[in-house]
């Protein structure tokens, strides 16, 4: 299981570096690089919040749109037989393919 933190819609992976005796993290899901660290969980959390707040402030100040971790649109290419099986599973469940796929992906992502 991944150790993660979330703030203002941004999620970061968190690890511990025993050599330097610090926690460190990296924001996931965007191409911009946002990292942070702390010697304690409280320090790590504060540095994470500061990093996100600074990123959002700097983006606004430079007129550049801050990246969002996900737009809500997901384009997939799957073999036709997988697509067909998914359509059937969705219909059996009484759902649209979008509703069914959302539930399946949510379950898999939190497993």
Protein backbone atom coordinates (compact mmCIF):
# COMPACT_ATOMS: atom_id res chain seq x y z
CA UNK A 1 0.00 0.00 0.00
CA UNK A 2 1.28 3.43 -0.92
CA UNK A 3 1.67 6.05 1.75
CA UNK A 4 -0.11 9.11 0.44
CA UNK A 5 -1.20 12.59 1.45
CA UNK A 6 -3.87 14.74 -0.20
CA UNK A 7 -4.30 18.51 -0.12
CA UNK A 8 -6.46 20.75 -2.35
CA UNK A 9 -7.04 17.86 -4.75
CA UNK A 10 -3.35 17.01 -5.13
CA UNK A 11 -2.06 13.63 -3.97
CA UNK A 12 1.53 12.89 -3.12
CA UNK A 13 3.46 9.70 -2.51
CA UNK A 14 5.35 9.80 0.79
CA UNK A 15 8.45 7.84 1.73
CA UNK A 16 10.99 7.77 4.54
CA UNK A 17 14.71 8.11 3.83
CA UNK A 18 16.55 6.39 6.70
CA UNK A 19 19.94 7.60 5.49
CA UNK A 20 18.99 11.27 5.87
CA UNK A 21 16.35 10.58 8.56
CA UNK A 22 13.63 12.56 6.73
CA UNK A 23 10.25 11.99 5.19
CA UNK A 24 9.91 13.18 1.61
CA UNK A 25 7.13 13.33 -0.91
CA UNK A 26 6.36 13.94 -4.56
CA UNK A 27 3.05 15.08 -6.04
CA UNK A 28 1.57 12.54 -8.45
CA UNK A 29 -0.55 12.92 -11.56
CA UNK A 30 0.97 16.11 -13.02
CA UNK A 31 4.05 16.73 -15.15
CA UNK A 32 5.23 19.68 -13.06
CA UNK A 33 7.59 18.54 -10.31
CA UNK A 34 6.45 19.32 -6.77
CA UNK A 35 8.47 17.78 -3.94
CA UNK A 36 8.59 18.39 -0.20
CA UNK A 37 10.18 17.02 2.96
CA UNK A 38 10.12 17.08 6.73
CA UNK A 39 11.78 15.53 9.75
CA UNK A 40 8.41 14.84 11.38
CA UNK A 41 4.96 14.01 10.05
CA UNK A 42 3.82 17.48 11.12
CA UNK A 43 6.77 19.07 9.33
CA UNK A 44 6.15 16.97 6.22
CA UNK A 45 2.47 17.92 6.20
CA UNK A 46 3.26 21.62 6.57
CA UNK A 47 5.88 21.53 3.80
CA UNK A 48 3.41 19.69 1.52
CA UNK A 49 0.74 22.34 2.13
CA UNK A 50 3.29 25.12 1.58
CA UNK A 51 4.52 23.49 -1.65
CA UNK A 52 0.98 23.25 -3.08
CA UNK A 53 0.05 26.77 -1.95
CA UNK A 54 3.28 28.14 -3.49
CA UNK A 55 2.67 26.22 -6.72
CA UNK A 56 -0.84 27.63 -7.02
CA UNK A 57 0.30 31.16 -6.13
CA UNK A 58 3.23 31.07 -8.57
CA UNK A 59 1.01 29.73 -11.35
CA UNK A 60 -1.47 32.55 -10.81
CA UNK A 61 1.28 35.19 -10.62
CA UNK A 62 2.82 34.07 -13.91
CA UNK A 63 -0.54 33.63 -15.66
CA UNK A 64 0.13 29.95 -16.21
CA UNK A 65 -2.68 27.49 -15.53
CA UNK A 66 -1.82 25.21 -12.59
CA UNK A 67 -2.01 21.59 -13.64
CA UNK A 68 -4.78 19.51 -12.14
CA UNK A 69 -4.18 15.86 -11.26
CA UNK A 70 -7.11 14.62 -13.35
CA UNK A 71 -9.66 16.16 -15.68
CA UNK A 72 -12.29 13.46 -15.27
CA UNK A 73 -11.82 12.34 -18.87
CA UNK A 74 -10.16 8.99 -19.48
CA UNK A 75 -9.56 7.70 -22.99
CA UNK A 76 -8.74 4.00 -23.23
CA UNK A 77 -7.92 1.72 -26.10
CA UNK A 78 -8.85 -1.87 -25.39
CA UNK A 79 -9.23 -4.93 -27.60
CA UNK A 80 -12.73 -5.22 -29.16
CA UNK A 81 -13.48 -8.36 -27.17
CA UNK A 82 -12.73 -6.54 -23.87
CA UNK A 83 -14.95 -3.65 -24.98
CA UNK A 84 -17.74 -6.07 -25.83
CA UNK A 85 -17.43 -7.93 -22.54
CA UNK A 86 -17.47 -4.64 -20.63
CA UNK A 87 -20.61 -3.51 -22.48
CA UNK A 88 -22.34 -6.77 -21.57
CA UNK A 89 -21.25 -6.55 -17.92
CA UNK A 90 -22.53 -2.97 -17.73
CA UNK A 91 -25.90 -3.91 -19.24
CA UNK A 92 -26.23 -6.89 -16.87
CA UNK A 93 -25.56 -4.49 -13.98
CA UNK A 94 -28.20 -2.11 -15.36
CA UNK A 95 -25.66 0.67 -15.87
CA UNK A 96 -24.10 2.63 -18.68
CA UNK A 97 -20.58 1.61 -19.67
CA UNK A 98 -19.32 4.88 -18.17
CA UNK A 99 -21.04 4.23 -14.81
CA UNK A 100 -19.87 0.63 -14.72
CA UNK A 101 -16.27 1.46 -15.68
CA UNK A 102 -16.15 4.25 -13.08
CA UNK A 103 -17.19 1.83 -10.34
CA UNK A 104 -14.77 -0.88 -11.48
CA UNK A 105 -11.85 1.57 -11.71
CA UNK A 106 -12.69 3.12 -8.32
CA UNK A 107 -12.80 -0.29 -6.69
CA UNK A 108 -9.51 -1.35 -8.31
CA UNK A 109 -7.77 1.90 -7.38
CA UNK A 110 -8.73 1.59 -3.71
CA UNK A 111 -8.03 -2.14 -3.40
